[in-house]
Amino acid sequence: MKRPIVGLVCLVSVAACGGGGGGVSGPVGAACVESDRDAANPQLCACIQSVADATLSNSDQRRVATFFEDPERAQEIRASDTAFADAFWDRYLDFIGATRSACG
């Protein structure tokens, strides 16, 4: 089941990152651009958003976007002992892996 998702992520990422338009939309991409991280640039943030679009629900994307401003929020969710938090964390880890593969 993971192979089709990885293929989709790669396809979407190439389409989103290869155009060089620099436009970034979506909650994760916008949070990435607005972050104070040195590596954040429009092309990378657009790639990250395209992976988010392919792997996360809108609700999950909004939650992930909060991690850029408040990384401690991610640790709170990771430490939470609920089925909901555990399921989200599994999706988040899949997103992180796909992002590393697609966006470098």
C-alpha atoms as a PDB file:
ATOM      1  CA  MET A   1       0.000   0.000   0.000  1.00  0.00           C
ATOM      2  CA  LYS A   2       2.866   2.394   0.651  1.00  0.00           C
ATOM      3  CA  ARG A   3       4.288   2.087  -2.881  1.00  0.00           C
ATOM      4  CA  PRO A   4       1.348   3.848  -4.561  1.00  0.00           C
ATOM      5  CA  ILE A   5       1.527   6.636  -1.977  1.00  0.00           C
ATOM      6  CA  VAL A   6       5.262   7.113  -2.476  1.00  0.00           C
ATOM      7  CA  GLY A   7       4.760   7.157  -6.259  1.00  0.00           C
ATOM      8  CA  LEU A   8       1.998   9.723  -5.940  1.00  0.00           C
ATOM      9  CA  VAL A   9       4.099  11.867  -3.619  1.00  0.00           C
ATOM     10  CA  CYS A  10       7.009  11.817  -6.068  1.00  0.00           C
ATOM     11  CA  LEU A  11       4.780  12.692  -9.000  1.00  0.00           C
ATOM     12  CA  VAL A  12       3.061  15.543  -7.170  1.00  0.00           C
ATOM     13  CA  SER A  13       6.342  16.814  -5.779  1.00  0.00           C
ATOM     14  CA  VAL A  14       8.035  16.918  -9.149  1.00  0.00           C
ATOM     15  CA  ALA A  15       5.093  18.800 -10.607  1.00  0.00           C
ATOM     16  CA  ALA A  16       4.967  21.257  -7.716  1.00  0.00           C
ATOM     17  CA  CYS A  17       8.682  21.841  -7.320  1.00  0.00           C
ATOM     18  CA  GLY A  18       9.822  21.698 -10.893  1.00  0.00           C
ATOM     19  CA  GLY A  19       7.874  24.649 -12.163  1.00  0.00           C
ATOM     20  CA  GLY A  20       9.979  27.224 -10.353  1.00  0.00           C
ATOM     21  CA  GLY A  21       7.028  29.559  -9.982  1.00  0.00           C
ATOM     22  CA  GLY A  22       7.788  30.108  -6.318  1.00  0.00           C
ATOM     23  CA  GLY A  23       4.133  30.408  -5.305  1.00  0.00           C
ATOM     24  CA  VAL A  24       3.329  28.641  -2.060  1.00  0.00           C
ATOM     25  CA  SER A  25      -0.173  27.897  -0.870  1.00  0.00           C
ATOM     26  CA  GLY A  26      -1.678  25.709   1.813  1.00  0.00           C
ATOM     27  CA  PRO A  27      -1.215  25.790   5.573  1.00  0.00           C
ATOM     28  CA  VAL A  28       2.018  23.791   5.732  1.00  0.00           C
ATOM     29  CA  GLY A  29       3.675  25.657   2.870  1.00  0.00           C
ATOM     30  CA  ALA A  30       2.652  29.032   4.267  1.00  0.00           C
ATOM     31  CA  ALA A  31       3.940  28.126   7.738  1.00  0.00           C
ATOM     32  CA  CYS A  32       7.195  26.938   6.173  1.00  0.00           C
ATOM     33  CA  VAL A  33       7.705  30.213   4.282  1.00  0.00           C
ATOM     34  CA  GLU A  34       6.875  32.277   7.370  1.00  0.00           C
ATOM     35  CA  SER A  35       9.210  30.278   9.619  1.00  0.00           C
ATOM     36  CA  ASP A  36      12.574  31.669  10.642  1.00  0.00           C
ATOM     37  CA  ARG A  37      14.477  28.608   9.430  1.00  0.00           C
ATOM     38  CA  ASP A  38      17.482  29.346   7.233  1.00  0.00           C
ATOM     39  CA  ALA A  39      16.695  26.546   4.777  1.00  0.00           C
ATOM     40  CA  ALA A  40      13.106  27.690   4.170  1.00  0.00           C
ATOM     41  CA  ASN A  41      12.634  28.973   0.630  1.00  0.00           C
ATOM     42  CA  PRO A  42       9.597  29.071  -1.671  1.00  0.00           C
ATOM     43  CA  GLN A  43      10.668  26.050  -3.731  1.00  0.00           C
ATOM     44  CA  LEU A  44      11.288  23.830  -0.698  1.00  0.00           C
ATOM     45  CA  CYS A  45       8.115  25.008   1.042  1.00  0.00           C
ATOM     46  CA  ALA A  46       6.036  24.355  -2.102  1.00  0.00           C
ATOM     47  CA  CYS A  47       7.492  20.850  -2.259  1.00  0.00           C
ATOM     48  CA  ILE A  48       6.668  20.227   1.410  1.00  0.00           C
ATOM     49  CA  GLN A  49       3.108  21.484   0.821  1.00  0.00           C
ATOM     50  CA  SER A  50       2.686  19.186  -2.169  1.00  0.00           C
ATOM     51  CA  VAL A  51       3.674  16.205  -0.012  1.00  0.00           C
ATOM     52  CA  ALA A  52       1.254  17.391   2.670  1.00  0.00           C
ATOM     53  CA  ASP A  53      -1.515  17.590   0.056  1.00  0.00           C
ATOM     54  CA  ALA A  54      -0.793  14.020  -1.015  1.00  0.00           C
ATOM     55  CA  THR A  55      -0.453  12.492   2.459  1.00  0.00           C
ATOM     56  CA  LEU A  56      -2.378  14.527   5.051  1.00  0.00           C
ATOM     57  CA  SER A  57      -5.973  15.608   5.537  1.00  0.00           C
ATOM     58  CA  ASN A  58      -6.758  19.322   5.776  1.00  0.00           C
ATOM     59  CA  SER A  59      -7.132  18.964   9.538  1.00  0.00           C
ATOM     60  CA  ASP A  60      -3.755  17.236   9.840  1.00  0.00           C
ATOM     61  CA  GLN A  61      -2.168  19.940   7.679  1.00  0.00           C
ATOM     62  CA  ARG A  62      -3.444  22.682   9.958  1.00  0.00           C
ATOM     63  CA  ARG A  63      -2.046  20.819  12.981  1.00  0.00           C
ATOM     64  CA  VAL A  64       1.345  20.263  11.298  1.00  0.00           C
ATOM     65  CA  ALA A  65       1.503  23.951  10.349  1.00  0.00           C
ATOM     66  CA  THR A  66       1.436  24.854  14.049  1.00  0.00           C
ATOM     67  CA  PHE A  67       4.671  22.880  14.550  1.00  0.00           C
ATOM     68  CA  PHE A  68       6.660  25.452  12.547  1.00  0.00           C
ATOM     69  CA  GLU A  69       5.857  28.193  15.048  1.00  0.00           C
ATOM     70  CA  ASP A  70       5.735  26.001  18.162  1.00  0.00           C
ATOM     71  CA  PRO A  71       7.851  22.820  17.881  1.00  0.00           C
ATOM     72  CA  GLU A  72       6.964  21.935  21.470  1.00  0.00           C
ATOM     73  CA  ARG A  73       3.406  21.318  20.238  1.00  0.00           C
ATOM     74  CA  ALA A  74       4.696  18.302  18.310  1.00  0.00           C
ATOM     75  CA  GLN A  75       6.267  16.896  21.455  1.00  0.00           C
ATOM     76  CA  GLU A  76       3.028  17.383  23.383  1.00  0.00           C
ATOM     77  CA  ILE A  77       1.133  15.375  20.788  1.00  0.00           C
ATOM     78  CA  ARG A  78       3.830  12.707  20.645  1.00  0.00           C
ATOM     79  CA  ALA A  79       3.736  12.326  24.429  1.00  0.00           C
ATOM     80  CA  SER A  80      -0.064  12.245  24.546  1.00  0.00           C
ATOM     81  CA  ASP A  81      -1.436   8.844  25.448  1.00  0.00           C
ATOM     82  CA  THR A  82      -4.571   8.754  23.309  1.00  0.00           C
ATOM     83  CA  ALA A  83      -5.501   6.675  20.295  1.00  0.00           C
ATOM     84  CA  PHE A  84      -6.216   9.879  18.343  1.00  0.00           C
ATOM     85  CA  ALA A  85      -2.758  11.304  19.064  1.00  0.00           C
ATOM     86  CA  ASP A  86      -1.075   7.984  18.249  1.00  0.00           C
ATOM     87  CA  ALA A  87      -2.893   7.738  14.911  1.00  0.00           C
ATOM     88  CA  PHE A  88      -1.984  11.339  14.047  1.00  0.00           C
ATOM     89  CA  TRP A  89       1.650  10.742  14.991  1.00  0.00           C
ATOM     90  CA  ASP A  90       1.813   7.724  12.674  1.00  0.00           C
ATOM     91  CA  ARG A  91       0.457   9.852   9.805  1.00  0.00           C
ATOM     92  CA  TYR A  92       2.897  12.621  10.680  1.00  0.00           C
ATOM     93  CA  LEU A  93       5.867  10.242  10.579  1.00  0.00           C
ATOM     94  CA  ASP A  94       4.719   8.965   7.164  1.00  0.00           C
ATOM     95  CA  PHE A  95       4.519  12.602   6.004  1.00  0.00           C
ATOM     96  CA  ILE A  96       8.027  13.347   7.304  1.00  0.00           C
ATOM     97  CA  GLY A  97       9.455  10.283   5.532  1.00  0.00           C
ATOM     98  CA  ALA A  98       7.729  11.163   2.270  1.00  0.00           C
ATOM     99  CA  THR A  99       8.909  14.771   2.547  1.00  0.00           C
ATOM    100  CA  ARG A 100      12.516  13.709   3.049  1.00  0.00           C
ATOM    101  CA  SER A 101      12.317  11.455   0.009  1.00  0.00           C
ATOM    102  CA  ALA A 102      10.624  13.973  -2.253  1.00  0.00           C
ATOM    103  CA  CYS A 103      12.099  17.277  -1.136  1.00  0.00           C
ATOM    104  CA  GLY A 104      15.562  16.340   0.038  1.00  0.00           C
END
